Each structure stands twice: as C-alpha cells, then as structure tokens.
C-alpha cells in the first residue's frame, strides 16, 4: 500500500472522528490500517462502545448493518458497498415465519450472518462464538435456528434443547474439501487442527477444537503447540500470523469468501472522503426496534 494512501487515511480519520473496523477475514492490507480487528461479536460491542462519529466497516453488509443498529447516532459506511453474504441470503423472514407456524412456541435464534428482516423476526441473534450460550438462554425448550445448517448442527450436538434447523450455508465453508484438510494433517502431523463450526460436520470430526475466530485466537494463545491447521476463511491466517509470529499456520483448504476480499485501502480512503454521508447504512424504521433488540441480546450473552 502506498504511504500516500496510508497517510491520507490517517489524516482524514482524525479530521472526521472516524474509526475503522475490520473483520478477521479481511485482507492483510485492511487489517493493517484498522483500529480494531475482530469477530462479529467483538466488533458489534466495539461499535456500541466507541460511538464514533463515523465508522468505516471493512467486512460484508450484515456486519455494517449490525454496527449501525448498535450505534444509531454514528454514520456507518461499508467500505466495499458490493460486499454481501451468500449465507445471509439463504434464509428470508418469510422462511422464518413459516417455521414458526410449524413449531409454535419455539423461539428463533438467528445467526448474525442474516438480513435485517430476519433479525427483526428473531428472539435473539448469535455469532459462532456465543451460539450455544444464546440457544441455552432462549426461554423455550425448542429453538428455531438459521440460516446456517452446519453451525446449527454443531450447536444441536452440544445442547439438550431440540433445534429446528434451516438448511442454509456459507458457500466458502460448505464448499471446503475434506481431502485438503487430510493432506495438510499428513504433512503437519504435529499441528493442532482448529475448525470453524460453519464447516461441514466431517471437518468438525477431524478437529482438535471447533471454534469461532475469536476462540481460535484464545486457543492459540494458551496452546503449547507450535503449528496449527486453520479451517476457516483464509484471511484468518494473516490475523494469526500477526498476533503470533513465533507460531506457524496453514489453511485447511481453499476456504475463500470473495466478498470478504472486496475491501481495499483505496475504498477505505474513498469512504473517508467528502460525500460519505450519502453512502451511510440506513435502517428502515419498521425494522430497527425489533432487530436491535435481537442484536442487543446477542451482545449481552457471553462468548
């Protein structure tokens, strides 16, 4: 990244009272200029805590929407406006209403990788980090869970509650090839295998630990292992290498989300420049109150 762009980003950030938030799956150049890098739950809490005048979010659309829900007075701008999420698109609010009809009395816990409309129909949102805790906290013995089938299946294996799971999925995680992971395991027989719960069940069975991105960081920090095979979006490798330069990391396979790679320093700079208010995330008033309640429940529960 040219120093000119980095310097201009720093200048405009101070001038506009802005912070830059980046998900751990973002490209290295974006992680390097971010004020905060983390998982969905962590960034949601930071957005609420900081109450910055301007929030530049480097991630995908649902993440910027979540930040706006928790920081309504801030202008929240998605650095890459076209960055969307195939998982969020895999379940609609109409789908959830139909499931509620089939399972009356079951509360709905919705993965934060979802649309505003779906959040507004839900008792609470969750992330991969606190999905089990949120399901356990739901005031019903049966829970509707969506849109991610793999995450829902993993949660169901950890709880006594009955889950009704929507069959959606993340194209990057769901498309992972177990042969790639097994090849890495043969090459790095001494490595610990850390796998994200959005991955297929066959990946989870091979793992030493099933963790969200924040959990992976905490696990590596406390582990005595020197090498790790990481089963999640490949941007996480850069994050781990930055935090733990004395350890070695390799991706479990080709788990790549193109949308997560859309953000660039040039787009961050553009978002900081004049006219930024016109690009800010807007939350329709008829969704705001119900959606924010579901998101706030997520942020208050551990994980």
C-alpha atoms as a PDB file:
ATOM      1  CA  UNK A   1       0.000   0.000   0.000  1.00  0.00           C
ATOM      2  CA  UNK A   2       1.478   3.392  -0.976  1.00  0.00           C
ATOM      3  CA  UNK A   3       2.445   5.564   2.007  1.00  0.00           C
ATOM      4  CA  UNK A   4       0.409   8.399   0.481  1.00  0.00           C
ATOM      5  CA  UNK A   5      -2.828   6.434   0.892  1.00  0.00           C
ATOM      6  CA  UNK A   6      -1.973   5.331   4.417  1.00  0.00           C
ATOM      7  CA  UNK A   7      -1.102   8.889   5.464  1.00  0.00           C
ATOM      8  CA  UNK A   8      -4.258  10.321   3.934  1.00  0.00           C
ATOM      9  CA  UNK A   9      -6.392   7.704   5.675  1.00  0.00           C
ATOM     10  CA  UNK A  10      -4.771   8.637   8.991  1.00  0.00           C
ATOM     11  CA  UNK A  11      -5.329  12.350   8.413  1.00  0.00           C
ATOM     12  CA  UNK A  12      -8.977  12.033   7.385  1.00  0.00           C
ATOM     13  CA  UNK A  13      -9.714   9.588  10.170  1.00  0.00           C
ATOM     14  CA  UNK A  14      -8.666  12.172  12.770  1.00  0.00           C
ATOM     15  CA  UNK A  15     -10.406  15.005  10.936  1.00  0.00           C
ATOM     16  CA  UNK A  16     -13.746  13.164  10.763  1.00  0.00           C
ATOM     17  CA  UNK A  17     -13.679  11.417  14.141  1.00  0.00           C
ATOM     18  CA  UNK A  18     -13.692   8.047  12.416  1.00  0.00           C
ATOM     19  CA  UNK A  19     -12.741   4.527  13.379  1.00  0.00           C
ATOM     20  CA  UNK A  20     -12.021   1.641  11.032  1.00  0.00           C
ATOM     21  CA  UNK A  21     -13.373  -1.789  11.969  1.00  0.00           C
ATOM     22  CA  UNK A  22     -12.184  -4.891  10.116  1.00  0.00           C
ATOM     23  CA  UNK A  23     -13.265  -8.494  10.366  1.00  0.00           C
ATOM     24  CA  UNK A  24     -10.521 -11.073  10.837  1.00  0.00           C
ATOM     25  CA  UNK A  25     -11.235 -12.431   7.342  1.00  0.00           C
ATOM     26  CA  UNK A  26     -10.249  -9.145   5.679  1.00  0.00           C
ATOM     27  CA  UNK A  27      -7.108  -8.845   3.520  1.00  0.00           C
ATOM     28  CA  UNK A  28      -3.865  -8.100   5.341  1.00  0.00           C
ATOM     29  CA  UNK A  29      -3.628  -4.561   3.968  1.00  0.00           C
ATOM     30  CA  UNK A  30      -7.010  -3.786   5.539  1.00  0.00           C
ATOM     31  CA  UNK A  31      -6.177  -5.381   8.878  1.00  0.00           C
ATOM     32  CA  UNK A  32      -3.026  -3.248   8.995  1.00  0.00           C
ATOM     33  CA  UNK A  33      -4.922   0.067   8.773  1.00  0.00           C
ATOM     34  CA  UNK A  34      -7.844  -0.894  11.008  1.00  0.00           C
ATOM     35  CA  UNK A  35      -8.260   0.494  14.511  1.00  0.00           C
ATOM     36  CA  UNK A  36      -9.904  -2.738  15.592  1.00  0.00           C
ATOM     37  CA  UNK A  37      -9.801  -6.224  14.068  1.00  0.00           C
ATOM     38  CA  UNK A  38     -12.067  -8.955  15.413  1.00  0.00           C
ATOM     39  CA  UNK A  39     -15.002 -11.281  15.016  1.00  0.00           C
ATOM     40  CA  UNK A  40     -18.624 -10.236  14.571  1.00  0.00           C
ATOM     41  CA  UNK A  41     -19.452 -10.214  18.280  1.00  0.00           C
ATOM     42  CA  UNK A  42     -16.327  -8.283  19.211  1.00  0.00           C
ATOM     43  CA  UNK A  43     -16.836  -5.664  16.514  1.00  0.00           C
ATOM     44  CA  UNK A  44     -20.514  -5.255  17.427  1.00  0.00           C
ATOM     45  CA  UNK A  45     -19.529  -4.497  21.005  1.00  0.00           C
ATOM     46  CA  UNK A  46     -16.776  -2.102  19.905  1.00  0.00           C
ATOM     47  CA  UNK A  47     -19.160  -0.175  17.643  1.00  0.00           C
ATOM     48  CA  UNK A  48     -21.560   0.294  20.551  1.00  0.00           C
ATOM     49  CA  UNK A  49     -18.783   1.247  22.974  1.00  0.00           C
ATOM     50  CA  UNK A  50     -16.909   3.727  20.788  1.00  0.00           C
ATOM     51  CA  UNK A  51     -19.917   5.739  19.499  1.00  0.00           C
ATOM     52  CA  UNK A  52     -17.660   7.266  16.854  1.00  0.00           C
ATOM     53  CA  UNK A  53     -18.925   9.988  14.565  1.00  0.00           C
ATOM     54  CA  UNK A  54     -18.025   7.846  11.560  1.00  0.00           C
ATOM     55  CA  UNK A  55     -17.492   4.084  11.392  1.00  0.00           C
ATOM     56  CA  UNK A  56     -15.834   2.605   8.314  1.00  0.00           C
ATOM     57  CA  UNK A  57     -16.656  -1.106   8.303  1.00  0.00           C
ATOM     58  CA  UNK A  58     -14.462  -3.477   6.354  1.00  0.00           C
ATOM     59  CA  UNK A  59     -16.418  -6.673   6.008  1.00  0.00           C
ATOM     60  CA  UNK A  60     -19.764  -7.545   4.459  1.00  0.00           C
ATOM     61  CA  UNK A  61     -23.147  -5.834   4.536  1.00  0.00           C
ATOM     62  CA  UNK A  62     -24.761  -7.547   7.517  1.00  0.00           C
ATOM     63  CA  UNK A  63     -21.800  -6.569   9.709  1.00  0.00           C
ATOM     64  CA  UNK A  64     -22.133  -2.875   8.877  1.00  0.00           C
ATOM     65  CA  UNK A  65     -25.883  -3.100   9.484  1.00  0.00           C
ATOM     66  CA  UNK A  66     -25.265  -4.640  12.909  1.00  0.00           C
ATOM     67  CA  UNK A  67     -22.857  -1.835  13.795  1.00  0.00           C
ATOM     68  CA  UNK A  68     -25.460   0.730  12.746  1.00  0.00           C
ATOM     69  CA  UNK A  69     -28.138  -0.960  14.859  1.00  0.00           C
ATOM     70  CA  UNK A  70     -25.963  -0.616  17.950  1.00  0.00           C
ATOM     71  CA  UNK A  71     -24.605   2.838  17.064  1.00  0.00           C
ATOM     72  CA  UNK A  72     -27.620   4.672  15.600  1.00  0.00           C
ATOM     73  CA  UNK A  73     -26.024   8.105  16.065  1.00  0.00           C
ATOM     74  CA  UNK A  74     -22.911   7.130  14.104  1.00  0.00           C
ATOM     75  CA  UNK A  75     -22.615   7.256  10.343  1.00  0.00           C
ATOM     76  CA  UNK A  76     -21.676   3.699   9.380  1.00  0.00           C
ATOM     77  CA  UNK A  77     -20.227   3.108   5.929  1.00  0.00           C
ATOM     78  CA  UNK A  78     -19.412  -0.249   4.356  1.00  0.00           C
ATOM     79  CA  UNK A  79     -16.022   0.245   2.714  1.00  0.00           C
ATOM     80  CA  UNK A  80     -16.899  -2.135  -0.146  1.00  0.00           C
ATOM     81  CA  UNK A  81     -20.581  -1.417  -0.901  1.00  0.00           C
ATOM     82  CA  UNK A  82     -20.995  -4.566  -3.016  1.00  0.00           C
ATOM     83  CA  UNK A  83     -19.723  -6.948  -0.326  1.00  0.00           C
ATOM     84  CA  UNK A  84     -22.655  -9.176   0.563  1.00  0.00           C
ATOM     85  CA  UNK A  85     -23.053 -12.597   2.177  1.00  0.00           C
ATOM     86  CA  UNK A  86     -24.399 -15.726   0.483  1.00  0.00           C
ATOM     87  CA  UNK A  87     -25.281 -17.184   3.871  1.00  0.00           C
ATOM     88  CA  UNK A  88     -27.400 -14.169   4.796  1.00  0.00           C
ATOM     89  CA  UNK A  89     -29.246 -14.509   1.507  1.00  0.00           C
ATOM     90  CA  UNK A  90     -30.090 -18.172   2.123  1.00  0.00           C
ATOM     91  CA  UNK A  91     -32.981 -17.542   4.537  1.00  0.00           C
ATOM     92  CA  UNK A  92     -35.723 -14.913   4.399  1.00  0.00           C
ATOM     93  CA  UNK A  93     -38.075 -13.535   7.025  1.00  0.00           C
ATOM     94  CA  UNK A  94     -40.899 -15.355   5.216  1.00  0.00           C
ATOM     95  CA  UNK A  95     -38.980 -18.615   5.680  1.00  0.00           C
ATOM     96  CA  UNK A  96     -38.748 -17.971   9.400  1.00  0.00           C
ATOM     97  CA  UNK A  97     -42.437 -17.120   9.714  1.00  0.00           C
ATOM     98  CA  UNK A  98     -43.286 -20.444   8.074  1.00  0.00           C
ATOM     99  CA  UNK A  99     -41.041 -22.281  10.523  1.00  0.00           C
ATOM    100  CA  UNK A 100     -42.754 -20.501  13.412  1.00  0.00           C
ATOM    101  CA  UNK A 101     -46.102 -21.788  12.166  1.00  0.00           C
ATOM    102  CA  UNK A 102     -44.745 -25.339  12.087  1.00  0.00           C
ATOM    103  CA  UNK A 103     -43.142 -25.063  15.527  1.00  0.00           C
ATOM    104  CA  UNK A 104     -45.344 -22.820  17.686  1.00  0.00           C
ATOM    105  CA  UNK A 105     -43.732 -21.861  20.964  1.00  0.00           C
ATOM    106  CA  UNK A 106     -40.186 -22.303  19.670  1.00  0.00           C
ATOM    107  CA  UNK A 107     -38.087 -19.156  19.938  1.00  0.00           C
ATOM    108  CA  UNK A 108     -35.946 -18.193  16.952  1.00  0.00           C
ATOM    109  CA  UNK A 109     -32.193 -17.772  17.326  1.00  0.00           C
ATOM    110  CA  UNK A 110     -30.694 -16.316  14.174  1.00  0.00           C
ATOM    111  CA  UNK A 111     -27.037 -16.305  13.239  1.00  0.00           C
ATOM    112  CA  UNK A 112     -25.845 -12.716  12.893  1.00  0.00           C
ATOM    113  CA  UNK A 113     -24.954 -13.546   9.266  1.00  0.00           C
ATOM    114  CA  UNK A 114     -28.513 -12.665   8.274  1.00  0.00           C
ATOM    115  CA  UNK A 115     -30.696  -9.919   6.843  1.00  0.00           C
ATOM    116  CA  UNK A 116     -32.255  -7.143   8.911  1.00  0.00           C
ATOM    117  CA  UNK A 117     -35.679  -8.580   8.154  1.00  0.00           C
ATOM    118  CA  UNK A 118     -34.672 -11.969   9.576  1.00  0.00           C
ATOM    119  CA  UNK A 119     -33.168 -10.387  12.678  1.00  0.00           C
ATOM    120  CA  UNK A 120     -36.405  -8.499  13.282  1.00  0.00           C
ATOM    121  CA  UNK A 121     -38.343 -11.800  13.328  1.00  0.00           C
ATOM    122  CA  UNK A 122     -35.973 -13.377  15.860  1.00  0.00           C
ATOM    123  CA  UNK A 123     -35.856 -13.645  19.629  1.00  0.00           C
ATOM    124  CA  UNK A 124     -32.078 -13.152  19.516  1.00  0.00           C
ATOM    125  CA  UNK A 125     -29.108 -13.194  17.190  1.00  0.00           C
ATOM    126  CA  UNK A 126     -25.899 -15.072  17.857  1.00  0.00           C
ATOM    127  CA  UNK A 127     -22.400 -15.420  16.480  1.00  0.00           C
ATOM    128  CA  UNK A 128     -20.393 -18.598  16.143  1.00  0.00           C
ATOM    129  CA  UNK A 129     -18.684 -17.576  19.380  1.00  0.00           C
ATOM    130  CA  UNK A 130     -21.826 -17.456  21.512  1.00  0.00           C
ATOM    131  CA  UNK A 131     -24.315 -19.551  19.529  1.00  0.00           C
ATOM    132  CA  UNK A 132     -24.515 -22.282  22.159  1.00  0.00           C
ATOM    133  CA  UNK A 133     -24.913 -19.786  25.004  1.00  0.00           C
ATOM    134  CA  UNK A 134     -27.710 -17.943  23.201  1.00  0.00           C
ATOM    135  CA  UNK A 135     -29.592 -21.162  22.423  1.00  0.00           C
ATOM    136  CA  UNK A 136     -29.257 -22.243  26.048  1.00  0.00           C
ATOM    137  CA  UNK A 137     -30.577 -18.837  27.176  1.00  0.00           C
ATOM    138  CA  UNK A 138     -33.661 -18.957  24.926  1.00  0.00           C
ATOM    139  CA  UNK A 139     -36.876 -19.215  27.014  1.00  0.00           C
ATOM    140  CA  UNK A 140     -38.136 -22.318  25.189  1.00  0.00           C
ATOM    141  CA  UNK A 141     -37.124 -25.972  25.051  1.00  0.00           C
ATOM    142  CA  UNK A 142     -37.359 -25.979  21.262  1.00  0.00           C
ATOM    143  CA  UNK A 143     -35.437 -23.442  19.191  1.00  0.00           C
ATOM    144  CA  UNK A 144     -35.622 -22.499  15.534  1.00  0.00           C
ATOM    145  CA  UNK A 145     -32.071 -21.933  14.274  1.00  0.00           C
ATOM    146  CA  UNK A 146     -30.940 -20.426  10.992  1.00  0.00           C
ATOM    147  CA  UNK A 147     -29.688 -19.735   8.490  1.00  0.00           C
ATOM    148  CA  UNK A 148     -26.512 -21.839   8.836  1.00  0.00           C
ATOM    149  CA  UNK A 149     -27.141 -25.579   8.845  1.00  0.00           C
ATOM    150  CA  UNK A 150     -23.598 -26.565   9.836  1.00  0.00           C
ATOM    151  CA  UNK A 151     -23.467 -24.210  12.812  1.00  0.00           C
ATOM    152  CA  UNK A 152     -26.959 -25.293  13.858  1.00  0.00           C
ATOM    153  CA  UNK A 153     -25.994 -28.967  13.662  1.00  0.00           C
ATOM    154  CA  UNK A 154     -22.935 -28.338  15.815  1.00  0.00           C
ATOM    155  CA  UNK A 155     -24.992 -26.431  18.413  1.00  0.00           C
ATOM    156  CA  UNK A 156     -27.602 -29.209  18.434  1.00  0.00           C
ATOM    157  CA  UNK A 157     -24.872 -31.705  19.326  1.00  0.00           C
ATOM    158  CA  UNK A 158     -23.909 -29.600  22.357  1.00  0.00           C
ATOM    159  CA  UNK A 159     -27.336 -28.948  23.901  1.00  0.00           C
ATOM    160  CA  UNK A 160     -30.316 -30.879  25.239  1.00  0.00           C
ATOM    161  CA  UNK A 161     -32.694 -28.486  23.517  1.00  0.00           C
ATOM    162  CA  UNK A 162     -34.389 -29.543  20.307  1.00  0.00           C
ATOM    163  CA  UNK A 163     -33.311 -27.460  17.337  1.00  0.00           C
ATOM    164  CA  UNK A 164     -35.266 -26.959  14.130  1.00  0.00           C
ATOM    165  CA  UNK A 165     -32.518 -26.026  11.685  1.00  0.00           C
ATOM    166  CA  UNK A 166     -32.849 -24.120   8.410  1.00  0.00           C
ATOM    167  CA  UNK A 167     -30.730 -25.717   5.625  1.00  0.00           C
ATOM    168  CA  UNK A 168     -28.690 -22.654   4.633  1.00  0.00           C
ATOM    169  CA  UNK A 169     -24.929 -22.383   4.414  1.00  0.00           C
ATOM    170  CA  UNK A 170     -21.809 -20.343   3.769  1.00  0.00           C
ATOM    171  CA  UNK A 171     -20.588 -21.168   0.274  1.00  0.00           C
ATOM    172  CA  UNK A 172     -16.943 -20.825   1.301  1.00  0.00           C
ATOM    173  CA  UNK A 173     -17.089 -23.093   4.346  1.00  0.00           C
ATOM    174  CA  UNK A 174     -19.625 -25.545   2.947  1.00  0.00           C
ATOM    175  CA  UNK A 175     -17.570 -25.998  -0.207  1.00  0.00           C
ATOM    176  CA  UNK A 176     -14.412 -26.978   1.662  1.00  0.00           C
ATOM    177  CA  UNK A 177     -12.854 -30.278   0.572  1.00  0.00           C
ATOM    178  CA  UNK A 178     -12.006 -32.701   3.379  1.00  0.00           C
ATOM    179  CA  UNK A 179      -9.204 -34.142   1.225  1.00  0.00           C
ATOM    180  CA  UNK A 180      -7.359 -30.820   1.504  1.00  0.00           C
ATOM    181  CA  UNK A 181      -7.556 -30.922   5.292  1.00  0.00           C
ATOM    182  CA  UNK A 182      -6.376 -34.523   5.476  1.00  0.00           C
ATOM    183  CA  UNK A 183      -3.459 -33.742   3.186  1.00  0.00           C
ATOM    184  CA  UNK A 184      -2.398 -30.890   5.478  1.00  0.00           C
ATOM    185  CA  UNK A 185      -2.767 -33.166   8.512  1.00  0.00           C
ATOM    186  CA  UNK A 186      -0.465 -35.735   6.897  1.00  0.00           C
ATOM    187  CA  UNK A 187       2.132 -33.042   6.152  1.00  0.00           C
ATOM    188  CA  UNK A 188       1.851 -31.387   9.575  1.00  0.00           C
ATOM    189  CA  UNK A 189       1.236 -34.349  11.856  1.00  0.00           C
ATOM    190  CA  UNK A 190       2.281 -32.348  14.934  1.00  0.00           C
ATOM    191  CA  UNK A 191      -0.157 -29.489  14.272  1.00  0.00           C
ATOM    192  CA  UNK A 192      -3.395 -28.762  16.103  1.00  0.00           C
ATOM    193  CA  UNK A 193      -6.467 -28.555  13.858  1.00  0.00           C
ATOM    194  CA  UNK A 194      -8.818 -25.643  14.572  1.00  0.00           C
ATOM    195  CA  UNK A 195     -12.055 -25.618  12.585  1.00  0.00           C
ATOM    196  CA  UNK A 196     -14.895 -23.107  12.338  1.00  0.00           C
ATOM    197  CA  UNK A 197     -18.384 -24.510  13.083  1.00  0.00           C
ATOM    198  CA  UNK A 198     -19.701 -23.239   9.725  1.00  0.00           C
ATOM    199  CA  UNK A 199     -17.648 -26.057   8.181  1.00  0.00           C
ATOM    200  CA  UNK A 200     -19.200 -29.420   7.237  1.00  0.00           C
ATOM    201  CA  UNK A 201     -19.588 -31.966  10.038  1.00  0.00           C
ATOM    202  CA  UNK A 202     -16.845 -34.152   8.560  1.00  0.00           C
ATOM    203  CA  UNK A 203     -14.372 -31.290   9.162  1.00  0.00           C
ATOM    204  CA  UNK A 204     -15.534 -30.903  12.746  1.00  0.00           C
ATOM    205  CA  UNK A 205     -14.886 -34.585  13.439  1.00  0.00           C
ATOM    206  CA  UNK A 206     -11.237 -34.157  12.392  1.00  0.00           C
ATOM    207  CA  UNK A 207     -10.686 -31.075  14.568  1.00  0.00           C
ATOM    208  CA  UNK A 208      -8.856 -30.736  17.858  1.00  0.00           C
ATOM    209  CA  UNK A 209     -11.142 -27.786  18.589  1.00  0.00           C
ATOM    210  CA  UNK A 210     -14.254 -26.263  16.972  1.00  0.00           C
ATOM    211  CA  UNK A 211     -14.078 -22.511  17.426  1.00  0.00           C
ATOM    212  CA  UNK A 212     -15.128 -19.137  16.079  1.00  0.00           C
ATOM    213  CA  UNK A 213     -12.373 -16.740  15.054  1.00  0.00           C
ATOM    214  CA  UNK A 214     -12.076 -15.157  18.487  1.00  0.00           C
ATOM    215  CA  UNK A 215     -11.918 -18.599  20.057  1.00  0.00           C
ATOM    216  CA  UNK A 216      -9.130 -19.586  17.682  1.00  0.00           C
ATOM    217  CA  UNK A 217      -7.049 -16.645  18.866  1.00  0.00           C
ATOM    218  CA  UNK A 218      -7.578 -17.509  22.519  1.00  0.00           C
ATOM    219  CA  UNK A 219      -6.798 -21.176  21.852  1.00  0.00           C
ATOM    220  CA  UNK A 220      -3.508 -20.443  20.106  1.00  0.00           C
ATOM    221  CA  UNK A 221      -2.525 -18.046  22.883  1.00  0.00           C
ATOM    222  CA  UNK A 222      -2.915 -20.733  25.539  1.00  0.00           C
ATOM    223  CA  UNK A 223      -1.680 -23.699  23.485  1.00  0.00           C
ATOM    224  CA  UNK A 224       1.801 -25.172  23.676  1.00  0.00           C
ATOM    225  CA  UNK A 225       1.645 -26.258  20.028  1.00  0.00           C
ATOM    226  CA  UNK A 226       3.914 -24.588  17.504  1.00  0.00           C
ATOM    227  CA  UNK A 227       1.879 -25.286  14.349  1.00  0.00           C
ATOM    228  CA  UNK A 228      -1.810 -25.023  13.541  1.00  0.00           C
ATOM    229  CA  UNK A 229      -4.049 -26.007  10.639  1.00  0.00           C
ATOM    230  CA  UNK A 230      -6.829 -23.437  10.353  1.00  0.00           C
ATOM    231  CA  UNK A 231     -10.205 -24.480   8.945  1.00  0.00           C
ATOM    232  CA  UNK A 232     -11.874 -21.179   8.167  1.00  0.00           C
ATOM    233  CA  UNK A 233     -11.685 -18.297   5.680  1.00  0.00           C
ATOM    234  CA  UNK A 234      -8.064 -17.773   4.693  1.00  0.00           C
ATOM    235  CA  UNK A 235      -7.904 -14.157   5.867  1.00  0.00           C
ATOM    236  CA  UNK A 236      -7.685 -15.583   9.376  1.00  0.00           C
ATOM    237  CA  UNK A 237      -4.180 -16.866   8.636  1.00  0.00           C
ATOM    238  CA  UNK A 238      -2.852 -13.292   8.351  1.00  0.00           C
ATOM    239  CA  UNK A 239      -4.556 -12.336  11.612  1.00  0.00           C
ATOM    240  CA  UNK A 240      -2.984 -15.246  13.470  1.00  0.00           C
ATOM    241  CA  UNK A 241       0.449 -14.716  11.932  1.00  0.00           C
ATOM    242  CA  UNK A 242       0.318 -11.060  13.019  1.00  0.00           C
ATOM    243  CA  UNK A 243      -0.619 -11.922  16.589  1.00  0.00           C
ATOM    244  CA  UNK A 244       1.669 -14.955  16.948  1.00  0.00           C
ATOM    245  CA  UNK A 245       4.777 -14.504  14.776  1.00  0.00           C
ATOM    246  CA  UNK A 246       6.524 -17.330  16.652  1.00  0.00           C
ATOM    247  CA  UNK A 247       3.934 -19.916  15.517  1.00  0.00           C
ATOM    248  CA  UNK A 248       3.199 -21.442  12.111  1.00  0.00           C
ATOM    249  CA  UNK A 249      -0.205 -21.553  10.433  1.00  0.00           C
ATOM    250  CA  UNK A 250      -1.567 -23.125   7.271  1.00  0.00           C
ATOM    251  CA  UNK A 251      -5.058 -23.082   5.772  1.00  0.00           C
ATOM    252  CA  UNK A 252      -7.024 -26.339   5.881  1.00  0.00           C
ATOM    253  CA  UNK A 253      -8.015 -25.851   2.265  1.00  0.00           C
ATOM    254  CA  UNK A 254      -9.390 -23.339  -0.196  1.00  0.00           C
ATOM    255  CA  UNK A 255     -11.939 -21.604   2.031  1.00  0.00           C
ATOM    256  CA  UNK A 256     -12.180 -18.214   0.368  1.00  0.00           C
ATOM    257  CA  UNK A 257     -15.006 -15.665   0.511  1.00  0.00           C
ATOM    258  CA  UNK A 258     -14.638 -13.333  -2.460  1.00  0.00           C
ATOM    259  CA  UNK A 259     -16.860 -10.704  -0.822  1.00  0.00           C
ATOM    260  CA  UNK A 260     -14.530 -10.512   2.169  1.00  0.00           C
ATOM    261  CA  UNK A 261     -11.750  -9.631  -0.236  1.00  0.00           C
ATOM    262  CA  UNK A 262     -13.562  -6.674  -1.841  1.00  0.00           C
ATOM    263  CA  UNK A 263     -12.263  -4.081   0.659  1.00  0.00           C
ATOM    264  CA  UNK A 264      -9.137  -2.171  -0.382  1.00  0.00           C
ATOM    265  CA  UNK A 265      -7.238   0.761   1.148  1.00  0.00           C
ATOM    266  CA  UNK A 266      -8.425   2.846  -1.806  1.00  0.00           C
ATOM    267  CA  UNK A 267     -12.067   2.098  -0.930  1.00  0.00           C
ATOM    268  CA  UNK A 268     -11.429   2.934   2.720  1.00  0.00           C
ATOM    269  CA  UNK A 269      -9.967   6.265   1.625  1.00  0.00           C
ATOM    270  CA  UNK A 270     -12.966   6.908  -0.606  1.00  0.00           C
ATOM    271  CA  UNK A 271     -15.293   6.198   2.301  1.00  0.00           C
ATOM    272  CA  UNK A 272     -13.498   8.817   4.389  1.00  0.00           C
ATOM    273  CA  UNK A 273     -13.711  11.489   1.720  1.00  0.00           C
ATOM    274  CA  UNK A 274     -16.485  14.015   1.108  1.00  0.00           C
ATOM    275  CA  UNK A 275     -19.985  12.766   0.414  1.00  0.00           C
ATOM    276  CA  UNK A 276     -19.604   9.879   2.827  1.00  0.00           C
ATOM    277  CA  UNK A 277     -22.984  10.543   4.489  1.00  0.00           C
ATOM    278  CA  UNK A 278     -24.720   9.633   1.237  1.00  0.00           C
ATOM    279  CA  UNK A 279     -23.198   6.146   1.473  1.00  0.00           C
ATOM    280  CA  UNK A 280     -24.113   5.501   5.091  1.00  0.00           C
ATOM    281  CA  UNK A 281     -26.082   2.430   6.158  1.00  0.00           C
ATOM    282  CA  UNK A 282     -29.768   3.187   6.724  1.00  0.00           C
ATOM    283  CA  UNK A 283     -32.016   1.048   8.917  1.00  0.00           C
ATOM    284  CA  UNK A 284     -35.730   1.152   7.973  1.00  0.00           C
ATOM    285  CA  UNK A 285     -37.713   2.392  10.966  1.00  0.00           C
ATOM    286  CA  UNK A 286     -40.159  -0.539  10.841  1.00  0.00           C
ATOM    287  CA  UNK A 287     -37.258  -2.966  11.403  1.00  0.00           C
ATOM    288  CA  UNK A 288     -34.996  -1.018  13.734  1.00  0.00           C
ATOM    289  CA  UNK A 289     -36.661  -1.612  17.111  1.00  0.00           C
ATOM    290  CA  UNK A 290     -37.191  -5.358  16.704  1.00  0.00           C
ATOM    291  CA  UNK A 291     -33.836  -6.014  15.042  1.00  0.00           C
ATOM    292  CA  UNK A 292     -31.849  -4.049  17.607  1.00  0.00           C
ATOM    293  CA  UNK A 293     -33.486  -5.967  20.449  1.00  0.00           C
ATOM    294  CA  UNK A 294     -32.311  -9.271  18.923  1.00  0.00           C
ATOM    295  CA  UNK A 295     -28.804  -7.927  18.394  1.00  0.00           C
ATOM    296  CA  UNK A 296     -28.552  -6.486  21.903  1.00  0.00           C
ATOM    297  CA  UNK A 297     -29.451  -9.852  23.372  1.00  0.00           C
ATOM    298  CA  UNK A 298     -26.539 -11.292  21.368  1.00  0.00           C
ATOM    299  CA  UNK A 299     -24.062  -8.756  22.729  1.00  0.00           C
ATOM    300  CA  UNK A 300     -25.140  -9.304  26.346  1.00  0.00           C
ATOM    301  CA  UNK A 301     -24.652 -13.064  26.275  1.00  0.00           C
ATOM    302  CA  UNK A 302     -21.149 -14.492  26.672  1.00  0.00           C
ATOM    303  CA  UNK A 303     -18.917 -15.963  24.048  1.00  0.00           C
END
